[in-house]
């Protein structure tokens, strides 16, 4: 049985209090949509949330439970700050253990100061670190997750994608497999959003939202393809037994610089909908890189897995759900395309 050594009781209590506040502030979405005192943009986007939830349940067969039937208006523009850390001389994240979800390579704080304090402690211990904001989360169906006001700050395509991404965690979550879980959810959110907008009545393959969803999925795969050789080069450097810790940390800077140059020269000109400015403008270290890899790991291979099921997203989801928990590494279930295999 796993211990909770890395799971501070104080942290759990603070997180529980913050979660309780969010849950107490919930309002049924149908009430908010009918409330003329709520701004029109919020009501319109909540209507998309209702449709996305229905699509996940009826078209994808996801057990959505009562998730996203409620709405919480936050008093801030960021839900939480996520702390990540990694060893400087290898692409290995620091992990924290929590009940139900197992080991995860990130830790959320509802207080910016708490996040910065933890980051400072981790940096003092010699880790690469990063603190980033997040606008949404999933309790894997254990609670009636509300859609949060922070998740409505994007356009309709991203709102629907976010809902489908988070609900996919309720369909499949492999404890201790953070990179697989998040990349799987990224794949499901993007592909399901395409199906949603490209097949719905009033939409269709020639609609603006369909084309936008398709372009974003292509961009996500391009970015995933870019990460493959970048990560492979770093892994080779870190695995060199003739290099000291100091030499690895020094020489990785050349790898970082070369990757950024390739991004500017080869990737950025091909992007259709996203700029990935967050990646380009955030200082590179192992923590920031792993945070990207976690969400963009082998997306091309997930797409190939879908193609292997005749493009039937339901069949692909059911197959992964049936087998992912019975193998040591769920990524082995995916075909390795030319760009895959981080």
C-alpha atoms as a PDB file:
ATOM      1  CA  UNK A   1       0.000   0.000   0.000  1.00  0.00           C
ATOM      2  CA  UNK A   2       1.440   3.383  -0.986  1.00  0.00           C
ATOM      3  CA  UNK A   3       2.334   5.762   1.765  1.00  0.00           C
ATOM      4  CA  UNK A   4       1.385   9.427   1.851  1.00  0.00           C
ATOM      5  CA  UNK A   5       4.830  10.711   2.782  1.00  0.00           C
ATOM      6  CA  UNK A   6       4.750  13.271  -0.059  1.00  0.00           C
ATOM      7  CA  UNK A   7       1.150  14.158   0.696  1.00  0.00           C
ATOM      8  CA  UNK A   8       1.265  16.861   3.389  1.00  0.00           C
ATOM      9  CA  UNK A   9      -1.779  16.791   5.710  1.00  0.00           C
ATOM     10  CA  UNK A  10      -1.691  20.604   5.828  1.00  0.00           C
ATOM     11  CA  UNK A  11      -1.730  20.786   2.039  1.00  0.00           C
ATOM     12  CA  UNK A  12      -4.617  18.311   1.825  1.00  0.00           C
ATOM     13  CA  UNK A  13      -6.637  20.320   4.345  1.00  0.00           C
ATOM     14  CA  UNK A  14      -6.010  23.587   2.487  1.00  0.00           C
ATOM     15  CA  UNK A  15      -6.921  22.009  -0.848  1.00  0.00           C
ATOM     16  CA  UNK A  16     -10.035  20.491   0.707  1.00  0.00           C
ATOM     17  CA  UNK A  17     -11.149  23.863   2.059  1.00  0.00           C
ATOM     18  CA  UNK A  18     -10.624  25.531  -1.321  1.00  0.00           C
ATOM     19  CA  UNK A  19     -12.503  22.743  -3.090  1.00  0.00           C
ATOM     20  CA  UNK A  20     -15.358  23.042  -0.581  1.00  0.00           C
ATOM     21  CA  UNK A  21     -15.658  26.765  -1.321  1.00  0.00           C
ATOM     22  CA  UNK A  22     -15.885  26.040  -5.040  1.00  0.00           C
ATOM     23  CA  UNK A  23     -18.547  23.404  -4.481  1.00  0.00           C
ATOM     24  CA  UNK A  24     -20.571  25.623  -2.155  1.00  0.00           C
ATOM     25  CA  UNK A  25     -20.644  28.389  -4.763  1.00  0.00           C
ATOM     26  CA  UNK A  26     -22.137  26.160  -7.460  1.00  0.00           C
ATOM     27  CA  UNK A  27     -25.310  27.056  -9.295  1.00  0.00           C
ATOM     28  CA  UNK A  28     -27.196  24.758 -11.687  1.00  0.00           C
ATOM     29  CA  UNK A  29     -26.246  25.688 -15.226  1.00  0.00           C
ATOM     30  CA  UNK A  30     -29.845  25.717 -16.411  1.00  0.00           C
ATOM     31  CA  UNK A  31     -30.589  28.419 -13.833  1.00  0.00           C
ATOM     32  CA  UNK A  32     -27.619  30.537 -14.880  1.00  0.00           C
ATOM     33  CA  UNK A  33     -28.507  30.244 -18.576  1.00  0.00           C
ATOM     34  CA  UNK A  34     -32.000  31.534 -17.773  1.00  0.00           C
ATOM     35  CA  UNK A  35     -30.779  34.346 -15.518  1.00  0.00           C
ATOM     36  CA  UNK A  36     -30.931  37.631 -17.445  1.00  0.00           C
ATOM     37  CA  UNK A  37     -28.700  39.305 -14.848  1.00  0.00           C
ATOM     38  CA  UNK A  38     -25.795  37.112 -15.992  1.00  0.00           C
ATOM     39  CA  UNK A  39     -23.880  38.482 -18.975  1.00  0.00           C
ATOM     40  CA  UNK A  40     -24.809  37.107 -22.374  1.00  0.00           C
ATOM     41  CA  UNK A  41     -21.340  35.723 -23.151  1.00  0.00           C
ATOM     42  CA  UNK A  42     -21.320  33.565 -20.018  1.00  0.00           C
ATOM     43  CA  UNK A  43     -24.809  32.242 -20.692  1.00  0.00           C
ATOM     44  CA  UNK A  44     -23.976  31.461 -24.315  1.00  0.00           C
ATOM     45  CA  UNK A  45     -20.815  29.560 -23.391  1.00  0.00           C
ATOM     46  CA  UNK A  46     -22.633  27.623 -20.679  1.00  0.00           C
ATOM     47  CA  UNK A  47     -25.084  26.491 -23.343  1.00  0.00           C
ATOM     48  CA  UNK A  48     -22.090  25.048 -25.204  1.00  0.00           C
ATOM     49  CA  UNK A  49     -21.033  23.273 -21.995  1.00  0.00           C
ATOM     50  CA  UNK A  50     -24.455  21.605 -21.812  1.00  0.00           C
ATOM     51  CA  UNK A  51     -24.141  20.473 -25.436  1.00  0.00           C
ATOM     52  CA  UNK A  52     -20.582  19.181 -24.970  1.00  0.00           C
ATOM     53  CA  UNK A  53     -21.616  17.208 -21.899  1.00  0.00           C
ATOM     54  CA  UNK A  54     -24.522  15.668 -23.787  1.00  0.00           C
ATOM     55  CA  UNK A  55     -22.213  14.789 -26.667  1.00  0.00           C
ATOM     56  CA  UNK A  56     -19.745  13.073 -24.312  1.00  0.00           C
ATOM     57  CA  UNK A  57     -22.504  10.984 -22.771  1.00  0.00           C
ATOM     58  CA  UNK A  58     -24.598  10.131 -25.817  1.00  0.00           C
ATOM     59  CA  UNK A  59     -22.054  10.040 -28.618  1.00  0.00           C
ATOM     60  CA  UNK A  60     -18.864   8.931 -26.834  1.00  0.00           C
ATOM     61  CA  UNK A  61     -20.384   6.740 -24.139  1.00  0.00           C
ATOM     62  CA  UNK A  62     -18.584   8.489 -21.280  1.00  0.00           C
ATOM     63  CA  UNK A  63     -20.164   8.124 -17.865  1.00  0.00           C
ATOM     64  CA  UNK A  64     -20.394  11.837 -17.137  1.00  0.00           C
ATOM     65  CA  UNK A  65     -22.269  11.430 -13.855  1.00  0.00           C
ATOM     66  CA  UNK A  66     -23.306  14.849 -12.568  1.00  0.00           C
ATOM     67  CA  UNK A  67     -20.119  16.604 -13.684  1.00  0.00           C
ATOM     68  CA  UNK A  68     -20.563  19.941 -15.425  1.00  0.00           C
ATOM     69  CA  UNK A  69     -24.217  20.371 -14.624  1.00  0.00           C
ATOM     70  CA  UNK A  70     -23.227  23.205 -12.269  1.00  0.00           C
ATOM     71  CA  UNK A  71     -21.380  26.508 -12.638  1.00  0.00           C
ATOM     72  CA  UNK A  72     -19.129  28.387 -10.225  1.00  0.00           C
ATOM     73  CA  UNK A  73     -18.257  32.031 -10.657  1.00  0.00           C
ATOM     74  CA  UNK A  74     -14.828  32.611  -9.148  1.00  0.00           C
ATOM     75  CA  UNK A  75     -13.635  35.922  -7.783  1.00  0.00           C
ATOM     76  CA  UNK A  76     -10.363  35.657  -9.707  1.00  0.00           C
ATOM     77  CA  UNK A  77      -9.218  34.981 -13.259  1.00  0.00           C
ATOM     78  CA  UNK A  78      -7.112  31.913 -12.400  1.00  0.00           C
ATOM     79  CA  UNK A  79      -8.370  28.757 -10.702  1.00  0.00           C
ATOM     80  CA  UNK A  80      -5.074  27.607  -9.226  1.00  0.00           C
ATOM     81  CA  UNK A  81      -1.320  27.658  -9.612  1.00  0.00           C
ATOM     82  CA  UNK A  82       0.366  24.394 -10.527  1.00  0.00           C
ATOM     83  CA  UNK A  83       3.880  23.655  -9.256  1.00  0.00           C
ATOM     84  CA  UNK A  84       6.090  21.246 -11.173  1.00  0.00           C
ATOM     85  CA  UNK A  85       9.697  20.233 -10.577  1.00  0.00           C
ATOM     86  CA  UNK A  86      12.296  18.038 -12.260  1.00  0.00           C
ATOM     87  CA  UNK A  87      15.865  16.878 -11.750  1.00  0.00           C
ATOM     88  CA  UNK A  88      18.382  19.077 -13.546  1.00  0.00           C
ATOM     89  CA  UNK A  89      20.448  16.248 -15.040  1.00  0.00           C
ATOM     90  CA  UNK A  90      17.652  13.963 -16.282  1.00  0.00           C
ATOM     91  CA  UNK A  91      14.150  14.189 -17.668  1.00  0.00           C
ATOM     92  CA  UNK A  92      12.530  12.816 -14.538  1.00  0.00           C
ATOM     93  CA  UNK A  93       9.861  14.777 -12.677  1.00  0.00           C
ATOM     94  CA  UNK A  94       9.431  15.039  -8.968  1.00  0.00           C
ATOM     95  CA  UNK A  95       6.118  13.421  -8.068  1.00  0.00           C
ATOM     96  CA  UNK A  96       3.630  13.702  -5.238  1.00  0.00           C
ATOM     97  CA  UNK A  97       1.369  10.914  -4.062  1.00  0.00           C
ATOM     98  CA  UNK A  98      -2.327  11.407  -3.367  1.00  0.00           C
ATOM     99  CA  UNK A  99      -5.171   8.995  -2.659  1.00  0.00           C
ATOM    100  CA  UNK A 100      -7.070   7.658  -5.688  1.00  0.00           C
ATOM    101  CA  UNK A 101      -4.941   9.342  -8.372  1.00  0.00           C
ATOM    102  CA  UNK A 102      -1.605   7.882  -7.210  1.00  0.00           C
ATOM    103  CA  UNK A 103       1.685   9.582  -8.067  1.00  0.00           C
ATOM    104  CA  UNK A 104       1.283  12.805 -10.045  1.00  0.00           C
ATOM    105  CA  UNK A 105       4.030  15.114 -11.388  1.00  0.00           C
ATOM    106  CA  UNK A 106       2.374  18.348 -10.326  1.00  0.00           C
ATOM    107  CA  UNK A 107       0.816  19.965  -7.295  1.00  0.00           C
ATOM    108  CA  UNK A 108      -1.927  22.563  -7.380  1.00  0.00           C
ATOM    109  CA  UNK A 109      -2.211  25.504  -4.994  1.00  0.00           C
ATOM    110  CA  UNK A 110      -5.180  27.843  -4.705  1.00  0.00           C
ATOM    111  CA  UNK A 111      -2.835  30.466  -3.248  1.00  0.00           C
ATOM    112  CA  UNK A 112      -0.158  32.060  -5.431  1.00  0.00           C
ATOM    113  CA  UNK A 113       2.040  32.678  -2.400  1.00  0.00           C
ATOM    114  CA  UNK A 114       1.812  29.036  -1.319  1.00  0.00           C
ATOM    115  CA  UNK A 115       2.816  27.984  -4.829  1.00  0.00           C
ATOM    116  CA  UNK A 116       5.755  30.380  -4.906  1.00  0.00           C
ATOM    117  CA  UNK A 117       6.879  29.254  -1.433  1.00  0.00           C
ATOM    118  CA  UNK A 118       6.858  25.631  -2.519  1.00  0.00           C
ATOM    119  CA  UNK A 119       8.686  26.481  -5.732  1.00  0.00           C
ATOM    120  CA  UNK A 120      11.383  28.288  -3.714  1.00  0.00           C
ATOM    121  CA  UNK A 121      11.802  25.265  -1.452  1.00  0.00           C
ATOM    122  CA  UNK A 122      12.132  22.941  -4.448  1.00  0.00           C
ATOM    123  CA  UNK A 123      14.638  25.243  -6.145  1.00  0.00           C
ATOM    124  CA  UNK A 124      16.669  25.325  -2.939  1.00  0.00           C
ATOM    125  CA  UNK A 125      16.758  21.525  -3.050  1.00  0.00           C
ATOM    126  CA  UNK A 126      18.309  21.703  -6.538  1.00  0.00           C
ATOM    127  CA  UNK A 127      15.299  21.047  -8.752  1.00  0.00           C
ATOM    128  CA  UNK A 128      14.309  22.791 -11.956  1.00  0.00           C
ATOM    129  CA  UNK A 129      10.916  24.366 -11.236  1.00  0.00           C
ATOM    130  CA  UNK A 130       7.932  26.029 -12.855  1.00  0.00           C
ATOM    131  CA  UNK A 131       4.714  27.606 -11.598  1.00  0.00           C
ATOM    132  CA  UNK A 132       1.882  27.962 -14.084  1.00  0.00           C
ATOM    133  CA  UNK A 133      -1.829  28.829 -13.886  1.00  0.00           C
ATOM    134  CA  UNK A 134      -4.661  26.437 -14.637  1.00  0.00           C
ATOM    135  CA  UNK A 135      -8.286  27.212 -15.413  1.00  0.00           C
ATOM    136  CA  UNK A 136      -9.940  23.799 -15.005  1.00  0.00           C
ATOM    137  CA  UNK A 137      -9.663  20.498 -13.175  1.00  0.00           C
ATOM    138  CA  UNK A 138     -11.346  17.142 -12.730  1.00  0.00           C
ATOM    139  CA  UNK A 139     -12.016  15.127  -9.583  1.00  0.00           C
ATOM    140  CA  UNK A 140     -12.524  12.055 -11.819  1.00  0.00           C
ATOM    141  CA  UNK A 141     -16.221  12.010 -11.015  1.00  0.00           C
ATOM    142  CA  UNK A 142     -15.802  11.798  -7.239  1.00  0.00           C
ATOM    143  CA  UNK A 143     -17.554  15.150  -6.896  1.00  0.00           C
ATOM    144  CA  UNK A 144     -20.068  17.027  -8.996  1.00  0.00           C
ATOM    145  CA  UNK A 145     -17.404  19.048 -10.806  1.00  0.00           C
ATOM    146  CA  UNK A 146     -18.706  22.467 -11.824  1.00  0.00           C
ATOM    147  CA  UNK A 147     -17.563  24.332 -14.880  1.00  0.00           C
ATOM    148  CA  UNK A 148     -15.641  27.323 -13.609  1.00  0.00           C
ATOM    149  CA  UNK A 149     -15.745  30.907 -14.825  1.00  0.00           C
ATOM    150  CA  UNK A 150     -12.023  30.650 -15.554  1.00  0.00           C
ATOM    151  CA  UNK A 151     -12.731  27.995 -18.200  1.00  0.00           C
ATOM    152  CA  UNK A 152     -15.065  30.357 -20.074  1.00  0.00           C
ATOM    153  CA  UNK A 153     -12.395  32.936 -20.878  1.00  0.00           C
ATOM    154  CA  UNK A 154     -11.670  31.346 -24.268  1.00  0.00           C
ATOM    155  CA  UNK A 155     -13.762  30.874 -27.410  1.00  0.00           C
ATOM    156  CA  UNK A 156     -16.492  28.275 -27.907  1.00  0.00           C
ATOM    157  CA  UNK A 157     -14.186  25.704 -29.482  1.00  0.00           C
ATOM    158  CA  UNK A 158     -11.869  25.788 -26.471  1.00  0.00           C
ATOM    159  CA  UNK A 159     -14.773  25.678 -24.002  1.00  0.00           C
ATOM    160  CA  UNK A 160     -16.107  22.513 -25.632  1.00  0.00           C
ATOM    161  CA  UNK A 161     -12.601  21.039 -25.896  1.00  0.00           C
ATOM    162  CA  UNK A 162     -11.951  21.706 -22.197  1.00  0.00           C
ATOM    163  CA  UNK A 163     -15.175  19.983 -21.138  1.00  0.00           C
ATOM    164  CA  UNK A 164     -14.443  16.943 -23.321  1.00  0.00           C
ATOM    165  CA  UNK A 165     -10.832  16.852 -22.092  1.00  0.00           C
ATOM    166  CA  UNK A 166     -11.844  16.871 -18.436  1.00  0.00           C
ATOM    167  CA  UNK A 167     -14.676  14.373 -18.895  1.00  0.00           C
ATOM    168  CA  UNK A 168     -12.315  11.971 -20.659  1.00  0.00           C
ATOM    169  CA  UNK A 169     -10.483  11.617 -17.344  1.00  0.00           C
ATOM    170  CA  UNK A 170     -13.653  10.040 -15.972  1.00  0.00           C
ATOM    171  CA  UNK A 171     -13.611   7.538 -18.822  1.00  0.00           C
ATOM    172  CA  UNK A 172      -9.978   6.522 -18.319  1.00  0.00           C
ATOM    173  CA  UNK A 173      -7.436   7.380 -15.641  1.00  0.00           C
ATOM    174  CA  UNK A 174      -4.426   5.143 -15.046  1.00  0.00           C
ATOM    175  CA  UNK A 175      -3.004   5.806 -11.532  1.00  0.00           C
ATOM    176  CA  UNK A 176       0.587   6.994 -11.615  1.00  0.00           C
ATOM    177  CA  UNK A 177       0.642   7.534 -15.395  1.00  0.00           C
ATOM    178  CA  UNK A 178       0.458  11.317 -15.602  1.00  0.00           C
ATOM    179  CA  UNK A 179       1.887  11.705 -19.114  1.00  0.00           C
ATOM    180  CA  UNK A 180      -0.441   9.090 -20.558  1.00  0.00           C
ATOM    181  CA  UNK A 181      -3.508  10.456 -18.762  1.00  0.00           C
ATOM    182  CA  UNK A 182      -2.997  14.036 -19.890  1.00  0.00           C
ATOM    183  CA  UNK A 183      -1.933  13.213 -23.445  1.00  0.00           C
ATOM    184  CA  UNK A 184      -4.898  10.851 -23.743  1.00  0.00           C
ATOM    185  CA  UNK A 185      -7.226  13.619 -22.542  1.00  0.00           C
ATOM    186  CA  UNK A 186      -5.602  16.083 -24.955  1.00  0.00           C
ATOM    187  CA  UNK A 187      -6.209  13.644 -27.797  1.00  0.00           C
ATOM    188  CA  UNK A 188      -9.820  12.999 -26.779  1.00  0.00           C
ATOM    189  CA  UNK A 189     -10.614  16.656 -26.186  1.00  0.00           C
ATOM    190  CA  UNK A 190      -9.270  17.738 -29.570  1.00  0.00           C
ATOM    191  CA  UNK A 191     -10.626  14.882 -31.700  1.00  0.00           C
ATOM    192  CA  UNK A 192     -14.007  14.838 -29.961  1.00  0.00           C
ATOM    193  CA  UNK A 193     -14.316  18.615 -30.387  1.00  0.00           C
ATOM    194  CA  UNK A 194     -13.758  18.148 -34.119  1.00  0.00           C
ATOM    195  CA  UNK A 195     -16.521  15.546 -34.245  1.00  0.00           C
ATOM    196  CA  UNK A 196     -18.768  17.797 -32.198  1.00  0.00           C
ATOM    197  CA  UNK A 197     -18.454  20.850 -34.428  1.00  0.00           C
ATOM    198  CA  UNK A 198     -18.079  19.078 -37.775  1.00  0.00           C
ATOM    199  CA  UNK A 199     -21.116  16.805 -37.452  1.00  0.00           C
ATOM    200  CA  UNK A 200     -23.634  18.798 -35.414  1.00  0.00           C
ATOM    201  CA  UNK A 201     -26.766  20.302 -36.891  1.00  0.00           C
ATOM    202  CA  UNK A 202     -26.039  23.893 -37.807  1.00  0.00           C
ATOM    203  CA  UNK A 203     -22.333  23.137 -38.034  1.00  0.00           C
ATOM    204  CA  UNK A 204     -20.751  20.803 -40.537  1.00  0.00           C
ATOM    205  CA  UNK A 205     -17.384  20.339 -42.214  1.00  0.00           C
ATOM    206  CA  UNK A 206     -17.444  23.793 -43.808  1.00  0.00           C
ATOM    207  CA  UNK A 207     -18.333  25.686 -40.644  1.00  0.00           C
ATOM    208  CA  UNK A 208     -15.866  28.100 -39.067  1.00  0.00           C
ATOM    209  CA  UNK A 209     -15.829  26.223 -35.759  1.00  0.00           C
ATOM    210  CA  UNK A 210     -15.210  22.873 -37.453  1.00  0.00           C
ATOM    211  CA  UNK A 211     -12.274  24.236 -39.430  1.00  0.00           C
ATOM    212  CA  UNK A 212     -10.929  25.933 -36.314  1.00  0.00           C
ATOM    213  CA  UNK A 213     -11.100  22.708 -34.283  1.00  0.00           C
ATOM    214  CA  UNK A 214      -9.379  20.756 -37.073  1.00  0.00           C
ATOM    215  CA  UNK A 215      -6.591  23.335 -37.406  1.00  0.00           C
ATOM    216  CA  UNK A 216      -5.945  23.266 -33.668  1.00  0.00           C
ATOM    217  CA  UNK A 217      -5.639  19.480 -33.647  1.00  0.00           C
ATOM    218  CA  UNK A 218      -3.170  19.648 -36.527  1.00  0.00           C
ATOM    219  CA  UNK A 219      -1.145  22.241 -34.620  1.00  0.00           C
ATOM    220  CA  UNK A 220      -1.114  20.076 -31.493  1.00  0.00           C
ATOM    221  CA  UNK A 221       0.279  17.172 -33.517  1.00  0.00           C
ATOM    222  CA  UNK A 222       2.901  19.430 -35.093  1.00  0.00           C
ATOM    223  CA  UNK A 223       4.038  20.568 -31.677  1.00  0.00           C
ATOM    224  CA  UNK A 224       4.131  16.961 -30.443  1.00  0.00           C
ATOM    225  CA  UNK A 225       6.254  16.038 -33.480  1.00  0.00           C
ATOM    226  CA  UNK A 226       8.653  18.883 -32.671  1.00  0.00           C
ATOM    227  CA  UNK A 227       9.111  17.664 -29.107  1.00  0.00           C
ATOM    228  CA  UNK A 228      10.150  14.131 -30.153  1.00  0.00           C
ATOM    229  CA  UNK A 229      13.697  14.794 -31.437  1.00  0.00           C
ATOM    230  CA  UNK A 230      14.200  17.557 -28.877  1.00  0.00           C
ATOM    231  CA  UNK A 231      13.501  15.178 -26.002  1.00  0.00           C
ATOM    232  CA  UNK A 232      15.502  12.372 -27.619  1.00  0.00           C
ATOM    233  CA  UNK A 233      18.557  14.634 -27.892  1.00  0.00           C
ATOM    234  CA  UNK A 234      18.282  15.659 -24.254  1.00  0.00           C
ATOM    235  CA  UNK A 235      17.862  12.081 -23.080  1.00  0.00           C
ATOM    236  CA  UNK A 236      21.010  11.089 -24.959  1.00  0.00           C
ATOM    237  CA  UNK A 237      22.954  13.914 -23.316  1.00  0.00           C
ATOM    238  CA  UNK A 238      21.726  13.068 -19.829  1.00  0.00           C
ATOM    239  CA  UNK A 239      22.480   9.369 -20.347  1.00  0.00           C
ATOM    240  CA  UNK A 240      26.147   9.954 -21.239  1.00  0.00           C
ATOM    241  CA  UNK A 241      28.132   8.274 -18.422  1.00  0.00           C
ATOM    242  CA  UNK A 242      31.264  10.270 -19.248  1.00  0.00           C
ATOM    243  CA  UNK A 243      29.644  13.591 -18.361  1.00  0.00           C
ATOM    244  CA  UNK A 244      29.469  14.982 -14.853  1.00  0.00           C
ATOM    245  CA  UNK A 245      26.366  16.588 -13.392  1.00  0.00           C
ATOM    246  CA  UNK A 246      27.834  20.027 -14.031  1.00  0.00           C
ATOM    247  CA  UNK A 247      28.732  19.189 -17.632  1.00  0.00           C
ATOM    248  CA  UNK A 248      25.230  17.902 -18.377  1.00  0.00           C
ATOM    249  CA  UNK A 249      23.634  21.034 -16.969  1.00  0.00           C
ATOM    250  CA  UNK A 250      26.034  23.220 -18.940  1.00  0.00           C
ATOM    251  CA  UNK A 251      25.733  21.360 -22.242  1.00  0.00           C
ATOM    252  CA  UNK A 252      21.945  21.154 -22.147  1.00  0.00           C
ATOM    253  CA  UNK A 253      21.825  24.898 -22.845  1.00  0.00           C
ATOM    254  CA  UNK A 254      23.070  24.269 -26.386  1.00  0.00           C
ATOM    255  CA  UNK A 255      20.322  21.682 -26.876  1.00  0.00           C
ATOM    256  CA  UNK A 256      17.733  24.145 -25.591  1.00  0.00           C
ATOM    257  CA  UNK A 257      19.007  26.869 -27.949  1.00  0.00           C
ATOM    258  CA  UNK A 258      19.024  24.536 -30.939  1.00  0.00           C
ATOM    259  CA  UNK A 259      15.474  23.395 -30.249  1.00  0.00           C
ATOM    260  CA  UNK A 260      14.190  26.948 -29.986  1.00  0.00           C
ATOM    261  CA  UNK A 261      15.861  27.799 -33.283  1.00  0.00           C
ATOM    262  CA  UNK A 262      14.196  24.792 -34.955  1.00  0.00           C
ATOM    263  CA  UNK A 263      10.870  25.868 -33.498  1.00  0.00           C
ATOM    264  CA  UNK A 264      11.275  29.353 -34.973  1.00  0.00           C
ATOM    265  CA  UNK A 265      12.529  28.137 -38.356  1.00  0.00           C
ATOM    266  CA  UNK A 266      10.502  24.980 -38.954  1.00  0.00           C
ATOM    267  CA  UNK A 267       7.489  24.796 -36.651  1.00  0.00           C
ATOM    268  CA  UNK A 268       6.187  28.326 -36.181  1.00  0.00           C
ATOM    269  CA  UNK A 269       5.761  29.010 -39.938  1.00  0.00           C
ATOM    270  CA  UNK A 270       3.551  25.902 -40.266  1.00  0.00           C
ATOM    271  CA  UNK A 271       1.198  26.653 -37.386  1.00  0.00           C
ATOM    272  CA  UNK A 272      -2.367  27.508 -38.371  1.00  0.00           C
ATOM    273  CA  UNK A 273      -4.208  28.410 -35.166  1.00  0.00           C
ATOM    274  CA  UNK A 274      -1.836  28.346 -32.188  1.00  0.00           C
ATOM    275  CA  UNK A 275       1.465  30.142 -31.668  1.00  0.00           C
ATOM    276  CA  UNK A 276       2.562  28.160 -28.596  1.00  0.00           C
ATOM    277  CA  UNK A 277       3.822  31.466 -27.274  1.00  0.00           C
ATOM    278  CA  UNK A 278       3.723  30.072 -23.752  1.00  0.00           C
ATOM    279  CA  UNK A 279       6.366  27.536 -24.704  1.00  0.00           C
ATOM    280  CA  UNK A 280       8.440  29.988 -26.724  1.00  0.00           C
ATOM    281  CA  UNK A 281       8.467  32.701 -24.079  1.00  0.00           C
ATOM    282  CA  UNK A 282       8.914  30.561 -20.954  1.00  0.00           C
ATOM    283  CA  UNK A 283      12.544  29.915 -19.939  1.00  0.00           C
ATOM    284  CA  UNK A 284      13.430  26.338 -20.816  1.00  0.00           C
ATOM    285  CA  UNK A 285      14.394  23.849 -18.136  1.00  0.00           C
ATOM    286  CA  UNK A 286      13.491  20.230 -17.452  1.00  0.00           C
ATOM    287  CA  UNK A 287      10.394  21.187 -15.457  1.00  0.00           C
ATOM    288  CA  UNK A 288       8.925  23.443 -18.136  1.00  0.00           C
ATOM    289  CA  UNK A 289       9.774  20.927 -20.871  1.00  0.00           C
ATOM    290  CA  UNK A 290       8.252  17.962 -19.049  1.00  0.00           C
ATOM    291  CA  UNK A 291       5.113  19.983 -18.438  1.00  0.00           C
ATOM    292  CA  UNK A 292       4.754  20.296 -22.216  1.00  0.00           C
ATOM    293  CA  UNK A 293       5.634  16.680 -22.902  1.00  0.00           C
ATOM    294  CA  UNK A 294       3.047  15.594 -20.357  1.00  0.00           C
ATOM    295  CA  UNK A 295       0.252  16.986 -22.519  1.00  0.00           C
ATOM    296  CA  UNK A 296       1.762  16.439 -25.980  1.00  0.00           C
ATOM    297  CA  UNK A 297       3.297  12.983 -25.637  1.00  0.00           C
ATOM    298  CA  UNK A 298       2.870  10.922 -28.806  1.00  0.00           C
ATOM    299  CA  UNK A 299      -0.249  12.659 -30.057  1.00  0.00           C
ATOM    300  CA  UNK A 300       0.542  11.421 -33.567  1.00  0.00           C
ATOM    301  CA  UNK A 301       0.494   7.872 -32.196  1.00  0.00           C
ATOM    302  CA  UNK A 302      -2.885   8.422 -30.542  1.00  0.00           C
ATOM    303  CA  UNK A 303      -4.139   9.576 -33.942  1.00  0.00           C
ATOM    304  CA  UNK A 304      -2.693   6.441 -35.558  1.00  0.00           C
ATOM    305  CA  UNK A 305      -4.401   4.332 -32.882  1.00  0.00           C
ATOM    306  CA  UNK A 306      -7.685   5.991 -33.863  1.00  0.00           C
ATOM    307  CA  UNK A 307      -6.996   5.289 -37.544  1.00  0.00           C
ATOM    308  CA  UNK A 308      -6.349   1.655 -36.623  1.00  0.00           C
ATOM    309  CA  UNK A 309      -9.919   1.537 -35.354  1.00  0.00           C
ATOM    310  CA  UNK A 310     -11.268   2.873 -38.635  1.00  0.00           C
ATOM    311  CA  UNK A 311     -11.596   6.358 -37.226  1.00  0.00           C
ATOM    312  CA  UNK A 312     -14.209   5.104 -34.757  1.00  0.00           C
ATOM    313  CA  UNK A 313     -13.482   7.207 -31.669  1.00  0.00           C
ATOM    314  CA  UNK A 314     -15.856   5.188 -29.480  1.00  0.00           C
ATOM    315  CA  UNK A 315     -14.121   1.937 -30.372  1.00  0.00           C
ATOM    316  CA  UNK A 316     -10.705   3.460 -29.739  1.00  0.00           C
ATOM    317  CA  UNK A 317     -11.767   4.795 -26.331  1.00  0.00           C
ATOM    318  CA  UNK A 318     -13.309   1.490 -25.294  1.00  0.00           C
ATOM    319  CA  UNK A 319     -10.216  -0.429 -26.375  1.00  0.00           C
ATOM    320  CA  UNK A 320      -7.877   1.802 -24.382  1.00  0.00           C
ATOM    321  CA  UNK A 321     -10.126   1.653 -21.350  1.00  0.00           C
ATOM    322  CA  UNK A 322     -10.239  -2.136 -21.502  1.00  0.00           C
ATOM    323  CA  UNK A 323      -6.478  -2.622 -21.768  1.00  0.00           C
ATOM    324  CA  UNK A 324      -4.669   0.402 -20.305  1.00  0.00           C
ATOM    325  CA  UNK A 325      -4.826  -0.811 -16.719  1.00  0.00           C
ATOM    326  CA  UNK A 326      -3.436  -4.264 -17.509  1.00  0.00           C
ATOM    327  CA  UNK A 327      -0.034  -3.220 -18.906  1.00  0.00           C
ATOM    328  CA  UNK A 328       2.997  -1.704 -17.219  1.00  0.00           C
ATOM    329  CA  UNK A 329       3.126   1.194 -19.663  1.00  0.00           C
ATOM    330  CA  UNK A 330      -0.132   2.120 -21.436  1.00  0.00           C
ATOM    331  CA  UNK A 331       1.830   3.889 -24.171  1.00  0.00           C
ATOM    332  CA  UNK A 332       2.840   0.434 -25.434  1.00  0.00           C
ATOM    333  CA  UNK A 333      -0.742   0.051 -26.664  1.00  0.00           C
ATOM    334  CA  UNK A 334      -0.145   2.752 -29.271  1.00  0.00           C
ATOM    335  CA  UNK A 335       1.508   2.160 -32.637  1.00  0.00           C
ATOM    336  CA  UNK A 336       4.864   3.921 -32.953  1.00  0.00           C
ATOM    337  CA  UNK A 337       4.725   6.254 -35.910  1.00  0.00           C
ATOM    338  CA  UNK A 338       7.855   7.839 -37.342  1.00  0.00           C
ATOM    339  CA  UNK A 339       7.561  10.807 -34.987  1.00  0.00           C
ATOM    340  CA  UNK A 340       6.345   8.927 -31.926  1.00  0.00           C
ATOM    341  CA  UNK A 341       8.106   7.443 -28.948  1.00  0.00           C
ATOM    342  CA  UNK A 342       9.163  10.032 -26.417  1.00  0.00           C
END
